[in-house]
Amino acid sequence: MFAVQFSQCFTICGGLRMNKGELVEAIAKTAGLSKAQAEQALNATLHAIQSSLAKGNSVSLVGFGTFAVSKRAARKGKNPRTGATIKIPARKVARFKPGKALAEVVNTGKVPKAKK
C-alpha cells in the first residue's frame, strides 16, 4: 500500500481533494518511480479491480479495504419535476468497505510510513 503523509498530499495536490494525476505524482514520489511508471502501475491496478468486479468477484486489500459488487433491488421512485411515480430497475453497484487500518488512519490522521 502506498501511503502519503497528509502534509505531503496537501503540498502535492494543493488542497483536500486529489485527482488521478495528483495520485500518480504521489505514487511516483513515494515509490521512487517515474510518473509514467506510476501511471502504468495505477492503471494496471484499476484494470485488475474492474475486471474482478465485472466477473462478480470481490477484491480484498488487507488493511485497506474490500471492493465488492452488490445487487440493488428494483424499486419505485418519484420524478422530482413532475412528481410521477417511476420504476427504477434492479442493478449491480460497486461497493467499498474500508479495512480496519484505513479506518484508523482516517480517524486519527496518522499515516504509517510507506512500504517500498
N, C-alpha and C. Protein backbone atom coordinates (compact mmCIF):
# COMPACT_ATOMS: atom_id res chain seq x y z
N MET A 1 0.85 -1.17 0.00
CA MET A 1 0.00 0.00 0.00
C MET A 1 0.90 1.24 0.00
N PHE A 2 0.60 2.15 -0.91
CA PHE A 2 1.35 3.40 -0.97
C PHE A 2 0.63 4.43 -0.14
N ALA A 3 1.27 4.92 0.88
CA ALA A 3 0.67 5.93 1.74
C ALA A 3 1.47 7.21 1.62
N VAL A 4 0.78 8.31 1.69
CA VAL A 4 1.43 9.61 1.61
C VAL A 4 1.02 10.39 2.84
N GLN A 5 1.98 11.02 3.50
CA GLN A 5 1.65 11.83 4.66
C GLN A 5 0.68 12.93 4.25
N PHE A 6 -0.22 13.32 5.16
CA PHE A 6 -1.21 14.34 4.85
C PHE A 6 -0.55 15.62 4.36
N SER A 7 0.52 16.03 5.02
CA SER A 7 1.19 17.27 4.61
C SER A 7 1.77 17.14 3.21
N GLN A 8 2.30 15.96 2.86
CA GLN A 8 2.81 15.74 1.51
C GLN A 8 1.68 15.81 0.51
N CYS A 9 0.56 15.18 0.83
CA CYS A 9 -0.60 15.18 -0.05
C CYS A 9 -1.08 16.61 -0.26
N PHE A 10 -1.15 17.37 0.81
CA PHE A 10 -1.63 18.74 0.73
C PHE A 10 -0.71 19.56 -0.16
N THR A 11 0.60 19.31 -0.05
CA THR A 11 1.57 20.03 -0.87
C THR A 11 1.47 19.60 -2.32
N ILE A 12 1.34 18.30 -2.56
CA ILE A 12 1.30 17.77 -3.92
C ILE A 12 0.02 18.19 -4.63
N CYS A 13 -1.12 17.99 -4.00
CA CYS A 13 -2.38 18.24 -4.69
C CYS A 13 -2.93 19.64 -4.43
N GLY A 14 -2.34 20.39 -3.52
CA GLY A 14 -2.73 21.76 -3.30
C GLY A 14 -4.09 21.93 -2.64
N GLY A 15 -4.63 20.91 -2.06
CA GLY A 15 -5.93 21.02 -1.41
C GLY A 15 -6.33 19.73 -0.76
N LEU A 16 -7.61 19.58 -0.51
CA LEU A 16 -8.11 18.41 0.21
C LEU A 16 -8.66 17.33 -0.72
N ARG A 17 -8.58 17.55 -2.01
CA ARG A 17 -9.08 16.57 -2.97
C ARG A 17 -7.95 16.22 -3.92
N MET A 18 -7.84 14.94 -4.29
CA MET A 18 -6.75 14.51 -5.15
C MET A 18 -7.34 13.88 -6.41
N ASN A 19 -6.87 14.31 -7.59
CA ASN A 19 -7.33 13.69 -8.83
C ASN A 19 -6.31 12.63 -9.27
N LYS A 20 -6.58 11.98 -10.39
CA LYS A 20 -5.72 10.88 -10.83
C LYS A 20 -4.29 11.34 -11.08
N GLY A 21 -4.12 12.49 -11.72
CA GLY A 21 -2.77 12.99 -11.99
C GLY A 21 -1.99 13.24 -10.72
N GLU A 22 -2.66 13.79 -9.72
CA GLU A 22 -2.01 14.05 -8.44
C GLU A 22 -1.70 12.76 -7.70
N LEU A 23 -2.57 11.77 -7.84
CA LEU A 23 -2.31 10.46 -7.25
C LEU A 23 -1.10 9.81 -7.91
N VAL A 24 -1.01 9.90 -9.23
CA VAL A 24 0.14 9.36 -9.95
C VAL A 24 1.42 10.04 -9.46
N GLU A 25 1.38 11.35 -9.28
CA GLU A 25 2.55 12.09 -8.80
C GLU A 25 2.93 11.63 -7.39
N ALA A 26 1.94 11.42 -6.53
CA ALA A 26 2.21 10.97 -5.16
C ALA A 26 2.79 9.56 -5.15
N ILE A 27 2.27 8.68 -6.00
CA ILE A 27 2.79 7.31 -6.09
C ILE A 27 4.23 7.35 -6.58
N ALA A 28 4.48 8.15 -7.61
CA ALA A 28 5.83 8.25 -8.17
C ALA A 28 6.82 8.73 -7.11
N LYS A 29 6.44 9.75 -6.36
CA LYS A 29 7.32 10.30 -5.34
C LYS A 29 7.56 9.30 -4.21
N THR A 30 6.49 8.65 -3.75
CA THR A 30 6.60 7.73 -2.63
C THR A 30 7.37 6.46 -2.99
N ALA A 31 7.13 5.94 -4.20
CA ALA A 31 7.74 4.67 -4.60
C ALA A 31 9.04 4.84 -5.37
N GLY A 32 9.43 6.08 -5.65
CA GLY A 32 10.67 6.30 -6.39
C GLY A 32 10.57 5.87 -7.84
N LEU A 33 9.40 6.06 -8.44
CA LEU A 33 9.17 5.70 -9.83
C LEU A 33 9.05 6.95 -10.68
N SER A 34 9.14 6.77 -11.99
CA SER A 34 8.84 7.89 -12.88
C SER A 34 7.32 8.04 -12.90
N LYS A 35 6.85 9.20 -13.34
CA LYS A 35 5.40 9.40 -13.42
C LYS A 35 4.77 8.42 -14.40
N ALA A 36 5.47 8.11 -15.48
CA ALA A 36 4.96 7.16 -16.47
C ALA A 36 4.81 5.77 -15.85
N GLN A 37 5.81 5.35 -15.09
CA GLN A 37 5.74 4.04 -14.42
C GLN A 37 4.62 4.02 -13.38
N ALA A 38 4.50 5.11 -12.63
CA ALA A 38 3.46 5.19 -11.60
C ALA A 38 2.08 5.15 -12.24
N GLU A 39 1.91 5.86 -13.36
CA GLU A 39 0.61 5.84 -14.03
C GLU A 39 0.30 4.46 -14.58
N GLN A 40 1.31 3.79 -15.13
CA GLN A 40 1.13 2.44 -15.65
C GLN A 40 0.73 1.49 -14.51
N ALA A 41 1.36 1.62 -13.36
CA ALA A 41 1.03 0.77 -12.21
C ALA A 41 -0.39 1.05 -11.71
N LEU A 42 -0.76 2.33 -11.64
CA LEU A 42 -2.10 2.68 -11.19
C LEU A 42 -3.14 2.16 -12.18
N ASN A 43 -2.91 2.36 -13.48
CA ASN A 43 -3.85 1.87 -14.49
C ASN A 43 -4.01 0.36 -14.44
N ALA A 44 -2.90 -0.36 -14.23
CA ALA A 44 -2.95 -1.82 -14.14
C ALA A 44 -3.74 -2.25 -12.91
N THR A 45 -3.54 -1.55 -11.79
CA THR A 45 -4.27 -1.86 -10.56
C THR A 45 -5.77 -1.63 -10.76
N LEU A 46 -6.12 -0.49 -11.31
CA LEU A 46 -7.54 -0.19 -11.53
C LEU A 46 -8.17 -1.18 -12.50
N HIS A 47 -7.43 -1.56 -13.55
CA HIS A 47 -7.94 -2.53 -14.51
C HIS A 47 -8.20 -3.88 -13.85
N ALA A 48 -7.27 -4.32 -13.01
CA ALA A 48 -7.43 -5.60 -12.31
C ALA A 48 -8.64 -5.57 -11.39
N ILE A 49 -8.85 -4.47 -10.69
CA ILE A 49 -10.01 -4.34 -9.80
C ILE A 49 -11.30 -4.36 -10.61
N GLN A 50 -11.34 -3.58 -11.70
CA GLN A 50 -12.53 -3.52 -12.55
C GLN A 50 -12.84 -4.88 -13.17
N SER A 51 -11.81 -5.59 -13.64
CA SER A 51 -12.01 -6.91 -14.24
C SER A 51 -12.60 -7.89 -13.25
N SER A 52 -12.09 -7.86 -12.04
CA SER A 52 -12.60 -8.75 -11.00
C SER A 52 -14.05 -8.43 -10.65
N LEU A 53 -14.36 -7.15 -10.50
CA LEU A 53 -15.73 -6.75 -10.17
C LEU A 53 -16.69 -7.08 -11.32
N ALA A 54 -16.24 -6.93 -12.56
CA ALA A 54 -17.08 -7.25 -13.72
C ALA A 54 -17.48 -8.72 -13.73
N LYS A 55 -16.61 -9.58 -13.19
CA LYS A 55 -16.90 -11.01 -13.10
C LYS A 55 -17.74 -11.35 -11.87
N GLY A 56 -18.03 -10.35 -11.04
CA GLY A 56 -18.82 -10.57 -9.84
C GLY A 56 -17.98 -10.94 -8.62
N ASN A 57 -16.66 -10.88 -8.76
CA ASN A 57 -15.77 -11.20 -7.65
C ASN A 57 -15.47 -9.96 -6.82
N SER A 58 -14.98 -10.17 -5.61
CA SER A 58 -14.57 -9.04 -4.78
C SER A 58 -13.05 -8.96 -4.77
N VAL A 59 -12.53 -7.81 -4.39
CA VAL A 59 -11.09 -7.61 -4.29
C VAL A 59 -10.80 -7.12 -2.88
N SER A 60 -10.02 -7.89 -2.13
CA SER A 60 -9.68 -7.54 -0.75
C SER A 60 -8.21 -7.14 -0.67
N LEU A 61 -7.98 -5.94 -0.16
CA LEU A 61 -6.62 -5.46 0.08
C LEU A 61 -6.49 -5.32 1.59
N VAL A 62 -5.82 -6.27 2.22
CA VAL A 62 -5.75 -6.35 3.67
C VAL A 62 -5.24 -5.02 4.23
N GLY A 63 -5.96 -4.49 5.19
CA GLY A 63 -5.60 -3.24 5.83
C GLY A 63 -6.16 -2.02 5.11
N PHE A 64 -6.49 -2.17 3.82
CA PHE A 64 -7.02 -1.04 3.06
C PHE A 64 -8.53 -1.13 2.94
N GLY A 65 -9.02 -2.25 2.41
CA GLY A 65 -10.46 -2.41 2.29
C GLY A 65 -10.83 -3.43 1.24
N THR A 66 -12.14 -3.56 1.02
CA THR A 66 -12.66 -4.54 0.08
C THR A 66 -13.59 -3.88 -0.92
N PHE A 67 -13.32 -4.14 -2.20
CA PHE A 67 -14.21 -3.72 -3.27
C PHE A 67 -15.10 -4.92 -3.58
N ALA A 68 -16.40 -4.70 -3.71
CA ALA A 68 -17.32 -5.80 -3.97
C ALA A 68 -18.49 -5.30 -4.81
N VAL A 69 -19.20 -6.25 -5.41
CA VAL A 69 -20.40 -5.95 -6.18
C VAL A 69 -21.60 -6.34 -5.34
N SER A 70 -22.57 -5.44 -5.27
CA SER A 70 -23.80 -5.81 -4.58
C SER A 70 -24.97 -5.53 -5.50
N LYS A 71 -26.06 -6.19 -5.24
CA LYS A 71 -27.26 -6.04 -6.07
C LYS A 71 -28.22 -5.08 -5.40
N ARG A 72 -28.68 -4.13 -6.17
CA ARG A 72 -29.68 -3.19 -5.69
C ARG A 72 -31.02 -3.61 -6.29
N ALA A 73 -32.01 -3.85 -5.45
CA ALA A 73 -33.32 -4.32 -5.91
C ALA A 73 -34.05 -3.23 -6.68
N ALA A 74 -34.96 -3.67 -7.54
CA ALA A 74 -35.82 -2.72 -8.24
C ALA A 74 -36.69 -2.01 -7.20
N ARG A 75 -37.01 -0.77 -7.49
CA ARG A 75 -37.82 -0.02 -6.54
C ARG A 75 -38.59 1.07 -7.25
N LYS A 76 -39.49 1.68 -6.53
CA LYS A 76 -40.26 2.79 -7.08
C LYS A 76 -39.64 4.10 -6.60
N GLY A 77 -39.67 5.09 -7.46
CA GLY A 77 -39.16 6.40 -7.12
C GLY A 77 -40.11 7.47 -7.64
N LYS A 78 -39.75 8.72 -7.43
CA LYS A 78 -40.57 9.83 -7.91
C LYS A 78 -39.76 10.72 -8.82
N ASN A 79 -40.35 11.13 -9.91
CA ASN A 79 -39.75 12.11 -10.79
C ASN A 79 -39.83 13.45 -10.06
N PRO A 80 -38.69 14.08 -9.75
CA PRO A 80 -38.74 15.31 -8.96
C PRO A 80 -39.43 16.47 -9.69
N ARG A 81 -39.41 16.44 -10.99
CA ARG A 81 -40.02 17.53 -11.76
C ARG A 81 -41.54 17.41 -11.81
N THR A 82 -42.03 16.18 -12.08
CA THR A 82 -43.47 16.00 -12.26
C THR A 82 -44.17 15.39 -11.06
N GLY A 83 -43.40 14.72 -10.20
CA GLY A 83 -43.99 14.04 -9.06
C GLY A 83 -44.55 12.68 -9.41
N ALA A 84 -44.44 12.29 -10.69
CA ALA A 84 -44.96 10.99 -11.12
C ALA A 84 -44.11 9.86 -10.56
N THR A 85 -44.78 8.74 -10.24
CA THR A 85 -44.07 7.56 -9.75
C THR A 85 -43.39 6.88 -10.93
N ILE A 86 -42.13 6.51 -10.75
CA ILE A 86 -41.39 5.81 -11.79
C ILE A 86 -40.82 4.51 -11.24
N LYS A 87 -40.55 3.58 -12.15
CA LYS A 87 -39.97 2.29 -11.75
C LYS A 87 -38.47 2.36 -12.00
N ILE A 88 -37.69 2.13 -10.95
CA ILE A 88 -36.24 2.12 -11.05
C ILE A 88 -35.81 0.66 -11.13
N PRO A 89 -35.17 0.25 -12.23
CA PRO A 89 -34.82 -1.17 -12.40
C PRO A 89 -33.73 -1.63 -11.44
N ALA A 90 -33.68 -2.94 -11.23
CA ALA A 90 -32.62 -3.55 -10.41
C ALA A 90 -31.29 -3.36 -11.14
N ARG A 91 -30.21 -3.29 -10.37
CA ARG A 91 -28.89 -3.14 -10.97
C ARG A 91 -27.82 -3.58 -9.99
N LYS A 92 -26.63 -3.77 -10.53
CA LYS A 92 -25.47 -4.09 -9.70
C LYS A 92 -24.71 -2.80 -9.46
N VAL A 93 -24.16 -2.66 -8.27
CA VAL A 93 -23.37 -1.47 -7.94
C VAL A 93 -22.06 -1.89 -7.27
N ALA A 94 -21.03 -1.10 -7.49
CA ALA A 94 -19.74 -1.34 -6.84
C ALA A 94 -19.79 -0.74 -5.44
N ARG A 95 -19.25 -1.46 -4.49
CA ARG A 95 -19.20 -1.00 -3.10
C ARG A 95 -17.76 -1.07 -2.61
N PHE A 96 -17.46 -0.25 -1.63
CA PHE A 96 -16.15 -0.29 -0.99
C PHE A 96 -16.35 -0.26 0.51
N LYS A 97 -15.73 -1.21 1.20
CA LYS A 97 -15.78 -1.24 2.65
C LYS A 97 -14.36 -1.04 3.16
N PRO A 98 -14.10 0.07 3.86
CA PRO A 98 -12.75 0.33 4.36
C PRO A 98 -12.30 -0.74 5.36
N GLY A 99 -11.02 -1.07 5.31
CA GLY A 99 -10.44 -2.00 6.27
C GLY A 99 -10.16 -1.29 7.58
N LYS A 100 -9.82 -2.08 8.58
CA LYS A 100 -9.57 -1.55 9.92
C LYS A 100 -8.43 -0.53 9.93
N ALA A 101 -7.34 -0.84 9.24
CA ALA A 101 -6.18 0.06 9.23
C ALA A 101 -6.52 1.39 8.54
N LEU A 102 -7.26 1.33 7.43
CA LEU A 102 -7.65 2.56 6.73
C LEU A 102 -8.58 3.39 7.59
N ALA A 103 -9.53 2.75 8.24
CA ALA A 103 -10.46 3.46 9.12
C ALA A 103 -9.70 4.15 10.25
N GLU A 104 -8.68 3.49 10.77
CA GLU A 104 -7.87 4.09 11.84
C GLU A 104 -7.10 5.31 11.34
N VAL A 105 -6.54 5.21 10.14
CA VAL A 105 -5.80 6.33 9.55
C VAL A 105 -6.74 7.52 9.34
N VAL A 106 -7.92 7.26 8.83
CA VAL A 106 -8.89 8.33 8.58
C VAL A 106 -9.30 9.00 9.88
N ASN A 107 -9.51 8.21 10.92
CA ASN A 107 -9.96 8.76 12.19
C ASN A 107 -8.87 9.46 12.99
N THR A 108 -7.64 8.99 12.88
CA THR A 108 -6.56 9.58 13.67
C THR A 108 -5.74 10.60 12.88
N GLY A 109 -5.73 10.47 11.56
CA GLY A 109 -4.92 11.35 10.73
C GLY A 109 -3.46 10.96 10.70
N LYS A 110 -3.11 9.84 11.34
CA LYS A 110 -1.72 9.37 11.39
C LYS A 110 -1.50 8.32 10.31
N VAL A 111 -0.73 8.67 9.29
CA VAL A 111 -0.47 7.77 8.17
C VAL A 111 0.85 7.06 8.41
N PRO A 112 0.86 5.71 8.33
CA PRO A 112 2.12 4.99 8.53
C PRO A 112 3.07 5.27 7.38
N LYS A 113 4.36 5.04 7.61
CA LYS A 113 5.35 5.21 6.55
C LYS A 113 5.06 4.24 5.42
N ALA A 114 5.31 4.69 4.19
CA ALA A 114 5.07 3.86 3.01
C ALA A 114 6.08 2.72 2.95
N LYS A 115 5.59 1.56 2.53
CA LYS A 115 6.47 0.40 2.33
C LYS A 115 6.87 0.39 0.88
N LYS A 116 8.16 0.16 0.64
CA LYS A 116 8.64 0.12 -0.76
C LYS A 116 8.86 -1.29 -1.19
